[in-house]
Amino acid sequence: MELERAARYQHSLALLMVDIDHFKKINDTCGHLAGDEALKAVSRVCEEMVRTTDCLARLGGEEFAVLMPQTALDQASAVAERLRAAVAGLRCDLQGSVVTLTVSIGVAIAEKSGEDLSSLMQRADLAMYEAKSKGRNCVVVAPGRAAKLVA
């Protein structure tokens, strides 16, 4: 519905894909209960960073998405960077071990030509994987669909 609304009213729409870095290591070394606590800690930070009009969702595993209506690229990038820094500042006591967390974030802006949700998610996801390949704990902005096809 938000994609349709953005296209109809020519509003910008941003999508953040957020993935907790090295989450498997947390589960493997501290246990699954600790992993659940890490997920809750990141969820709380996400809730604090997004507006009530944004849609925050856990997609599965350690991946979250934030759909941000009426949000331009510079605004979405700023939120993503604040979110990244806030998670990096967490110190979680997980089953007796103090653990620091980081996230990799991909940012994509819906194309004005009526991009579908699958395409938008794919571009944000590819940007998030690029953030992981750059060393994690960073934000990467996805190119537009046309730029991606040329590259």
N, C-alpha and C. Protein backbone atom coordinates (compact mmCIF):
# COMPACT_ATOMS: atom_id res chain seq x y z
N MET A 1 0.82 -1.19 0.00
CA MET A 1 0.00 0.00 0.00
C MET A 1 0.87 1.26 0.00
N GLU A 2 1.96 1.22 0.76
CA GLU A 2 2.83 2.41 0.82
C GLU A 2 3.50 2.68 -0.53
N LEU A 3 3.87 1.62 -1.24
CA LEU A 3 4.45 1.81 -2.58
C LEU A 3 3.44 2.45 -3.51
N GLU A 4 2.21 1.98 -3.46
CA GLU A 4 1.16 2.55 -4.31
C GLU A 4 0.91 4.01 -3.94
N ARG A 5 0.88 4.30 -2.64
CA ARG A 5 0.65 5.66 -2.18
C ARG A 5 1.80 6.58 -2.63
N ALA A 6 3.03 6.09 -2.52
CA ALA A 6 4.19 6.89 -2.93
C ALA A 6 4.15 7.18 -4.43
N ALA A 7 3.79 6.18 -5.23
CA ALA A 7 3.70 6.39 -6.68
C ALA A 7 2.56 7.35 -7.03
N ARG A 8 1.43 7.17 -6.39
CA ARG A 8 0.27 8.00 -6.70
C ARG A 8 0.50 9.47 -6.37
N TYR A 9 1.09 9.73 -5.21
CA TYR A 9 1.26 11.11 -4.77
C TYR A 9 2.67 11.65 -5.00
N GLN A 10 3.48 10.88 -5.72
CA GLN A 10 4.85 11.28 -6.05
C GLN A 10 5.67 11.60 -4.80
N HIS A 11 5.51 10.77 -3.77
CA HIS A 11 6.29 10.89 -2.55
C HIS A 11 7.45 9.92 -2.59
N SER A 12 8.51 10.27 -1.92
CA SER A 12 9.64 9.34 -1.81
C SER A 12 9.30 8.26 -0.79
N LEU A 13 9.96 7.13 -0.94
CA LEU A 13 9.76 5.99 -0.04
C LEU A 13 11.10 5.27 0.08
N ALA A 14 11.56 5.11 1.32
CA ALA A 14 12.84 4.46 1.55
C ALA A 14 12.65 3.11 2.22
N LEU A 15 13.59 2.23 1.98
CA LEU A 15 13.61 0.93 2.64
C LEU A 15 15.02 0.68 3.17
N LEU A 16 15.10 0.35 4.46
CA LEU A 16 16.37 -0.05 5.06
C LEU A 16 16.33 -1.55 5.30
N MET A 17 17.38 -2.23 4.92
CA MET A 17 17.54 -3.64 5.28
C MET A 17 18.68 -3.67 6.29
N VAL A 18 18.40 -4.22 7.46
CA VAL A 18 19.33 -4.20 8.59
C VAL A 18 19.64 -5.64 8.98
N ASP A 19 20.91 -5.98 9.05
CA ASP A 19 21.32 -7.34 9.40
C ASP A 19 22.36 -7.28 10.50
N ILE A 20 22.14 -8.05 11.57
CA ILE A 20 23.10 -8.09 12.68
C ILE A 20 24.34 -8.85 12.21
N ASP A 21 25.49 -8.22 12.38
CA ASP A 21 26.75 -8.84 11.95
C ASP A 21 27.15 -9.97 12.90
N HIS A 22 27.66 -11.05 12.32
CA HIS A 22 28.20 -12.19 13.07
C HIS A 22 27.22 -12.75 14.09
N PHE A 23 25.95 -12.77 13.73
CA PHE A 23 24.92 -13.24 14.67
C PHE A 23 25.09 -14.73 14.99
N LYS A 24 25.48 -15.51 14.02
CA LYS A 24 25.67 -16.95 14.25
C LYS A 24 26.70 -17.19 15.35
N LYS A 25 27.73 -16.35 15.38
CA LYS A 25 28.77 -16.48 16.41
C LYS A 25 28.17 -16.27 17.80
N ILE A 26 27.24 -15.33 17.93
CA ILE A 26 26.59 -15.10 19.22
C ILE A 26 25.81 -16.34 19.64
N ASN A 27 25.03 -16.88 18.73
CA ASN A 27 24.28 -18.10 19.05
C ASN A 27 25.20 -19.26 19.39
N ASP A 28 26.29 -19.40 18.63
CA ASP A 28 27.19 -20.53 18.83
C ASP A 28 28.01 -20.42 20.10
N THR A 29 28.42 -19.21 20.48
CA THR A 29 29.27 -19.06 21.66
C THR A 29 28.51 -18.77 22.95
N CYS A 30 27.39 -18.07 22.84
CA CYS A 30 26.64 -17.67 24.04
C CYS A 30 25.33 -18.42 24.20
N GLY A 31 24.86 -19.07 23.14
CA GLY A 31 23.61 -19.81 23.19
C GLY A 31 22.46 -19.06 22.55
N HIS A 32 21.40 -19.80 22.26
CA HIS A 32 20.25 -19.22 21.57
C HIS A 32 19.46 -18.24 22.43
N LEU A 33 19.45 -18.44 23.74
CA LEU A 33 18.78 -17.46 24.60
C LEU A 33 19.49 -16.12 24.53
N ALA A 34 20.81 -16.16 24.47
CA ALA A 34 21.59 -14.93 24.32
C ALA A 34 21.30 -14.30 22.97
N GLY A 35 21.19 -15.13 21.93
CA GLY A 35 20.84 -14.62 20.61
C GLY A 35 19.50 -13.92 20.62
N ASP A 36 18.54 -14.49 21.35
CA ASP A 36 17.23 -13.85 21.47
C ASP A 36 17.35 -12.49 22.16
N GLU A 37 18.19 -12.40 23.18
CA GLU A 37 18.39 -11.13 23.88
C GLU A 37 19.04 -10.10 22.96
N ALA A 38 19.96 -10.55 22.12
CA ALA A 38 20.60 -9.65 21.15
C ALA A 38 19.56 -9.12 20.16
N LEU A 39 18.68 -10.01 19.70
CA LEU A 39 17.61 -9.58 18.78
C LEU A 39 16.71 -8.54 19.44
N LYS A 40 16.37 -8.77 20.70
CA LYS A 40 15.51 -7.82 21.43
C LYS A 40 16.21 -6.48 21.59
N ALA A 41 17.51 -6.50 21.88
CA ALA A 41 18.26 -5.25 22.06
C ALA A 41 18.29 -4.45 20.76
N VAL A 42 18.54 -5.11 19.64
CA VAL A 42 18.56 -4.42 18.34
C VAL A 42 17.16 -3.93 18.00
N SER A 43 16.14 -4.73 18.30
CA SER A 43 14.76 -4.31 18.04
C SER A 43 14.42 -3.04 18.80
N ARG A 44 14.85 -2.97 20.06
CA ARG A 44 14.57 -1.76 20.86
C ARG A 44 15.24 -0.54 20.25
N VAL A 45 16.48 -0.69 19.81
CA VAL A 45 17.18 0.43 19.18
C VAL A 45 16.46 0.85 17.91
N CYS A 46 16.04 -0.11 17.10
CA CYS A 46 15.31 0.20 15.87
C CYS A 46 14.03 0.96 16.19
N GLU A 47 13.30 0.49 17.19
CA GLU A 47 12.04 1.17 17.56
C GLU A 47 12.29 2.61 17.99
N GLU A 48 13.41 2.85 18.67
CA GLU A 48 13.74 4.20 19.12
C GLU A 48 14.12 5.11 17.95
N MET A 49 14.68 4.55 16.90
CA MET A 49 15.21 5.33 15.79
C MET A 49 14.18 5.66 14.72
N VAL A 50 13.11 4.86 14.63
CA VAL A 50 12.15 5.08 13.55
C VAL A 50 10.95 5.86 14.04
N ARG A 51 10.26 6.48 13.09
CA ARG A 51 9.06 7.25 13.40
C ARG A 51 7.87 6.31 13.55
N THR A 52 6.82 6.81 14.16
CA THR A 52 5.61 5.99 14.31
C THR A 52 4.97 5.70 12.96
N THR A 53 5.26 6.50 11.95
CA THR A 53 4.69 6.28 10.61
C THR A 53 5.51 5.28 9.80
N ASP A 54 6.69 4.92 10.28
CA ASP A 54 7.52 3.93 9.60
C ASP A 54 7.05 2.52 9.97
N CYS A 55 7.40 1.57 9.15
CA CYS A 55 7.02 0.18 9.40
C CYS A 55 8.29 -0.63 9.66
N LEU A 56 8.45 -1.09 10.89
CA LEU A 56 9.60 -1.91 11.29
C LEU A 56 9.15 -3.36 11.35
N ALA A 57 9.94 -4.24 10.74
CA ALA A 57 9.59 -5.66 10.75
C ALA A 57 10.84 -6.51 10.85
N ARG A 58 10.72 -7.62 11.56
CA ARG A 58 11.77 -8.63 11.54
C ARG A 58 11.44 -9.57 10.40
N LEU A 59 12.37 -9.72 9.47
CA LEU A 59 12.11 -10.55 8.30
C LEU A 59 12.41 -12.01 8.57
N GLY A 60 13.19 -12.28 9.57
CA GLY A 60 13.58 -13.64 9.89
C GLY A 60 15.04 -13.65 10.30
N GLY A 61 15.41 -14.64 11.08
CA GLY A 61 16.79 -14.70 11.53
C GLY A 61 17.17 -13.42 12.21
N GLU A 62 18.23 -12.82 11.73
CA GLU A 62 18.75 -11.58 12.33
C GLU A 62 18.58 -10.38 11.41
N GLU A 63 17.60 -10.46 10.52
CA GLU A 63 17.39 -9.40 9.54
C GLU A 63 16.09 -8.64 9.80
N PHE A 64 16.19 -7.32 9.70
CA PHE A 64 15.06 -6.43 9.90
C PHE A 64 14.89 -5.55 8.67
N ALA A 65 13.68 -5.04 8.48
CA ALA A 65 13.42 -4.07 7.42
C ALA A 65 12.69 -2.88 8.04
N VAL A 66 12.98 -1.71 7.50
CA VAL A 66 12.29 -0.49 7.92
C VAL A 66 11.80 0.20 6.66
N LEU A 67 10.49 0.27 6.49
CA LEU A 67 9.88 0.97 5.38
C LEU A 67 9.55 2.38 5.85
N MET A 68 10.06 3.39 5.12
CA MET A 68 9.97 4.77 5.57
C MET A 68 9.26 5.64 4.53
N PRO A 69 7.93 5.81 4.69
CA PRO A 69 7.18 6.65 3.75
C PRO A 69 7.64 8.10 3.82
N GLN A 70 7.52 8.78 2.69
CA GLN A 70 7.85 10.20 2.57
C GLN A 70 9.24 10.51 3.12
N THR A 71 10.19 9.67 2.75
CA THR A 71 11.57 9.81 3.22
C THR A 71 12.50 9.81 2.03
N ALA A 72 13.25 10.89 1.88
CA ALA A 72 14.21 11.02 0.80
C ALA A 72 15.51 10.29 1.15
N LEU A 73 16.38 10.16 0.16
CA LEU A 73 17.62 9.42 0.34
C LEU A 73 18.49 9.99 1.46
N ASP A 74 18.65 11.30 1.51
CA ASP A 74 19.51 11.86 2.55
C ASP A 74 18.95 11.62 3.94
N GLN A 75 17.63 11.70 4.09
CA GLN A 75 17.00 11.43 5.38
C GLN A 75 17.16 9.96 5.77
N ALA A 76 16.91 9.07 4.82
CA ALA A 76 17.02 7.63 5.09
C ALA A 76 18.45 7.25 5.44
N SER A 77 19.41 7.82 4.72
CA SER A 77 20.82 7.55 5.01
C SER A 77 21.21 8.03 6.40
N ALA A 78 20.69 9.19 6.79
CA ALA A 78 20.99 9.73 8.13
C ALA A 78 20.40 8.83 9.21
N VAL A 79 19.17 8.36 9.03
CA VAL A 79 18.55 7.45 10.00
C VAL A 79 19.35 6.15 10.07
N ALA A 80 19.74 5.63 8.91
CA ALA A 80 20.51 4.39 8.88
C ALA A 80 21.83 4.55 9.63
N GLU A 81 22.49 5.67 9.44
CA GLU A 81 23.78 5.91 10.12
C GLU A 81 23.56 6.05 11.63
N ARG A 82 22.51 6.75 12.04
CA ARG A 82 22.22 6.87 13.48
C ARG A 82 21.89 5.50 14.08
N LEU A 83 21.15 4.70 13.35
CA LEU A 83 20.82 3.35 13.80
C LEU A 83 22.08 2.51 13.94
N ARG A 84 22.94 2.56 12.93
CA ARG A 84 24.19 1.80 12.97
C ARG A 84 25.02 2.20 14.19
N ALA A 85 25.17 3.50 14.42
CA ALA A 85 25.97 3.98 15.54
C ALA A 85 25.35 3.59 16.89
N ALA A 86 24.03 3.65 16.98
CA ALA A 86 23.36 3.29 18.24
C ALA A 86 23.55 1.81 18.56
N VAL A 87 23.45 0.96 17.56
CA VAL A 87 23.67 -0.48 17.80
C VAL A 87 25.13 -0.72 18.18
N ALA A 88 26.06 -0.05 17.50
CA ALA A 88 27.48 -0.21 17.82
C ALA A 88 27.79 0.23 19.25
N GLY A 89 26.98 1.11 19.79
CA GLY A 89 27.17 1.58 21.15
C GLY A 89 26.56 0.68 22.21
N LEU A 90 25.80 -0.32 21.80
CA LEU A 90 25.19 -1.24 22.76
C LEU A 90 26.25 -2.10 23.44
N ARG A 91 26.03 -2.36 24.70
CA ARG A 91 26.82 -3.34 25.43
C ARG A 91 25.81 -4.28 26.06
N CYS A 92 25.71 -5.49 25.53
CA CYS A 92 24.69 -6.43 25.96
C CYS A 92 25.30 -7.49 26.87
N ASP A 93 24.68 -7.68 28.01
CA ASP A 93 25.07 -8.76 28.91
C ASP A 93 24.29 -9.99 28.47
N LEU A 94 24.98 -10.88 27.76
CA LEU A 94 24.34 -12.07 27.21
C LEU A 94 24.87 -13.31 27.90
N GLN A 95 24.07 -13.82 28.80
CA GLN A 95 24.44 -15.03 29.54
C GLN A 95 25.80 -14.88 30.23
N GLY A 96 26.02 -13.72 30.83
CA GLY A 96 27.25 -13.49 31.59
C GLY A 96 28.41 -12.94 30.78
N SER A 97 28.25 -12.83 29.49
CA SER A 97 29.30 -12.26 28.63
C SER A 97 28.82 -10.91 28.10
N VAL A 98 29.67 -9.90 28.19
CA VAL A 98 29.33 -8.60 27.61
C VAL A 98 29.71 -8.64 26.13
N VAL A 99 28.73 -8.41 25.29
CA VAL A 99 28.91 -8.52 23.84
C VAL A 99 28.56 -7.19 23.19
N THR A 100 29.38 -6.79 22.23
CA THR A 100 29.05 -5.63 21.41
C THR A 100 28.46 -6.13 20.10
N LEU A 101 27.54 -5.36 19.58
CA LEU A 101 26.86 -5.73 18.36
C LEU A 101 27.11 -4.67 17.29
N THR A 102 27.07 -5.09 16.05
CA THR A 102 27.09 -4.16 14.93
C THR A 102 26.08 -4.64 13.90
N VAL A 103 25.70 -3.72 13.02
CA VAL A 103 24.78 -4.06 11.94
C VAL A 103 25.31 -3.55 10.62
N SER A 104 24.93 -4.23 9.57
CA SER A 104 25.17 -3.78 8.20
C SER A 104 23.82 -3.36 7.65
N ILE A 105 23.78 -2.19 7.00
CA ILE A 105 22.50 -1.65 6.55
C ILE A 105 22.57 -1.28 5.07
N GLY A 106 21.55 -1.71 4.33
CA GLY A 106 21.38 -1.31 2.94
C GLY A 106 20.20 -0.37 2.84
N VAL A 107 20.35 0.69 2.05
CA VAL A 107 19.31 1.70 1.88
C VAL A 107 18.92 1.74 0.41
N ALA A 108 17.61 1.71 0.14
CA ALA A 108 17.12 1.86 -1.23
C ALA A 108 15.93 2.81 -1.23
N ILE A 109 15.82 3.58 -2.29
CA ILE A 109 14.70 4.49 -2.48
C ILE A 109 13.86 3.96 -3.64
N ALA A 110 12.54 3.92 -3.44
CA ALA A 110 11.65 3.41 -4.49
C ALA A 110 11.77 4.29 -5.74
N GLU A 111 11.82 3.63 -6.86
CA GLU A 111 11.87 4.33 -8.14
C GLU A 111 10.52 4.96 -8.43
N LYS A 112 10.51 6.13 -9.03
CA LYS A 112 9.25 6.82 -9.32
C LYS A 112 8.43 6.11 -10.39
N SER A 113 9.05 5.21 -11.13
CA SER A 113 8.35 4.54 -12.22
C SER A 113 7.46 3.38 -11.74
N GLY A 114 7.18 3.31 -10.45
CA GLY A 114 6.28 2.27 -9.97
C GLY A 114 6.99 0.96 -9.67
N GLU A 115 8.11 1.03 -9.05
CA GLU A 115 8.86 -0.17 -8.67
C GLU A 115 8.03 -1.04 -7.72
N ASP A 116 8.13 -2.35 -7.88
CA ASP A 116 7.39 -3.23 -6.97
C ASP A 116 8.23 -3.54 -5.73
N LEU A 117 7.56 -4.10 -4.72
CA LEU A 117 8.21 -4.35 -3.43
C LEU A 117 9.37 -5.33 -3.56
N SER A 118 9.22 -6.34 -4.39
CA SER A 118 10.27 -7.33 -4.57
C SER A 118 11.56 -6.68 -5.09
N SER A 119 11.43 -5.80 -6.07
CA SER A 119 12.59 -5.12 -6.63
C SER A 119 13.24 -4.18 -5.61
N LEU A 120 12.41 -3.45 -4.88
CA LEU A 120 12.93 -2.54 -3.86
C LEU A 120 13.68 -3.31 -2.78
N MET A 121 13.09 -4.42 -2.33
CA MET A 121 13.75 -5.24 -1.31
C MET A 121 15.04 -5.84 -1.82
N GLN A 122 15.04 -6.26 -3.06
CA GLN A 122 16.25 -6.84 -3.63
C GLN A 122 17.39 -5.82 -3.69
N ARG A 123 17.07 -4.60 -4.10
CA ARG A 123 18.11 -3.57 -4.17
C ARG A 123 18.65 -3.22 -2.78
N ALA A 124 17.75 -3.11 -1.79
CA ALA A 124 18.19 -2.81 -0.42
C ALA A 124 19.02 -3.98 0.13
N ASP A 125 18.60 -5.19 -0.18
CA ASP A 125 19.32 -6.38 0.28
C ASP A 125 20.72 -6.46 -0.33
N LEU A 126 20.82 -6.17 -1.63
CA LEU A 126 22.14 -6.16 -2.28
C LEU A 126 23.06 -5.11 -1.67
N ALA A 127 22.50 -3.96 -1.34
CA ALA A 127 23.29 -2.91 -0.69
C ALA A 127 23.74 -3.37 0.69
N MET A 128 22.88 -4.06 1.42
CA MET A 128 23.24 -4.58 2.74
C MET A 128 24.36 -5.60 2.63
N TYR A 129 24.31 -6.47 1.63
CA TYR A 129 25.39 -7.44 1.43
C TYR A 129 26.69 -6.76 1.02
N GLU A 130 26.57 -5.66 0.29
CA GLU A 130 27.77 -4.89 -0.04
C GLU A 130 28.38 -4.29 1.23
N ALA A 131 27.53 -3.84 2.15
CA ALA A 131 28.01 -3.33 3.44
C ALA A 131 28.77 -4.43 4.19
N LYS A 132 28.26 -5.63 4.14
CA LYS A 132 28.95 -6.76 4.78
C LYS A 132 30.30 -7.01 4.12
N SER A 133 30.33 -6.94 2.79
CA SER A 133 31.59 -7.21 2.08
C SER A 133 32.61 -6.09 2.29
N LYS A 134 32.16 -4.91 2.68
CA LYS A 134 33.08 -3.79 2.95
C LYS A 134 33.62 -3.83 4.38
N GLY A 135 33.29 -4.88 5.11
CA GLY A 135 33.82 -5.01 6.45
C GLY A 135 32.78 -4.95 7.55
N ARG A 136 31.52 -4.82 7.19
CA ARG A 136 30.41 -4.77 8.16
C ARG A 136 30.40 -3.45 8.92
N ASN A 137 29.37 -3.30 9.76
CA ASN A 137 29.21 -2.10 10.58
C ASN A 137 29.25 -0.83 9.74
N CYS A 138 28.51 -0.86 8.62
CA CYS A 138 28.44 0.33 7.77
C CYS A 138 27.11 0.37 7.02
N VAL A 139 26.89 1.50 6.36
CA VAL A 139 25.67 1.74 5.58
C VAL A 139 26.07 1.88 4.12
N VAL A 140 25.33 1.22 3.23
CA VAL A 140 25.56 1.34 1.79
C VAL A 140 24.23 1.68 1.12
N VAL A 141 24.26 2.64 0.23
CA VAL A 141 23.08 3.06 -0.52
C VAL A 141 23.04 2.30 -1.85
N ALA A 142 21.89 1.75 -2.16
CA ALA A 142 21.71 1.02 -3.42
C ALA A 142 21.58 1.99 -4.57
N PRO A 143 22.17 1.66 -5.72
CA PRO A 143 21.92 2.48 -6.90
C PRO A 143 20.50 2.26 -7.39
N GLY A 144 20.03 3.15 -8.24
CA GLY A 144 18.71 2.98 -8.84
C GLY A 144 18.70 1.76 -9.74
N ARG A 145 17.51 1.34 -10.15
CA ARG A 145 17.40 0.14 -11.01
C ARG A 145 18.16 0.32 -12.31
N ALA A 146 18.05 1.48 -12.95
CA ALA A 146 18.72 1.68 -14.22
C ALA A 146 20.24 1.63 -14.05
N ALA A 147 20.74 2.26 -12.98
CA ALA A 147 22.19 2.24 -12.73
C ALA A 147 22.68 0.82 -12.46
N LYS A 148 21.86 0.03 -11.78
CA LYS A 148 22.24 -1.34 -11.47
C LYS A 148 22.35 -2.17 -12.73
N LEU A 149 21.45 -1.96 -13.69
CA LEU A 149 21.48 -2.73 -14.93
C LEU A 149 22.71 -2.41 -15.77
N VAL A 150 23.16 -1.17 -15.70
CA VAL A 150 24.33 -0.76 -16.49
C VAL A 150 25.61 -1.29 -15.86
N ALA A 151 25.66 -1.33 -14.54
CA ALA A 151 26.89 -1.70 -13.83
C ALA A 151 27.25 -3.14 -14.01
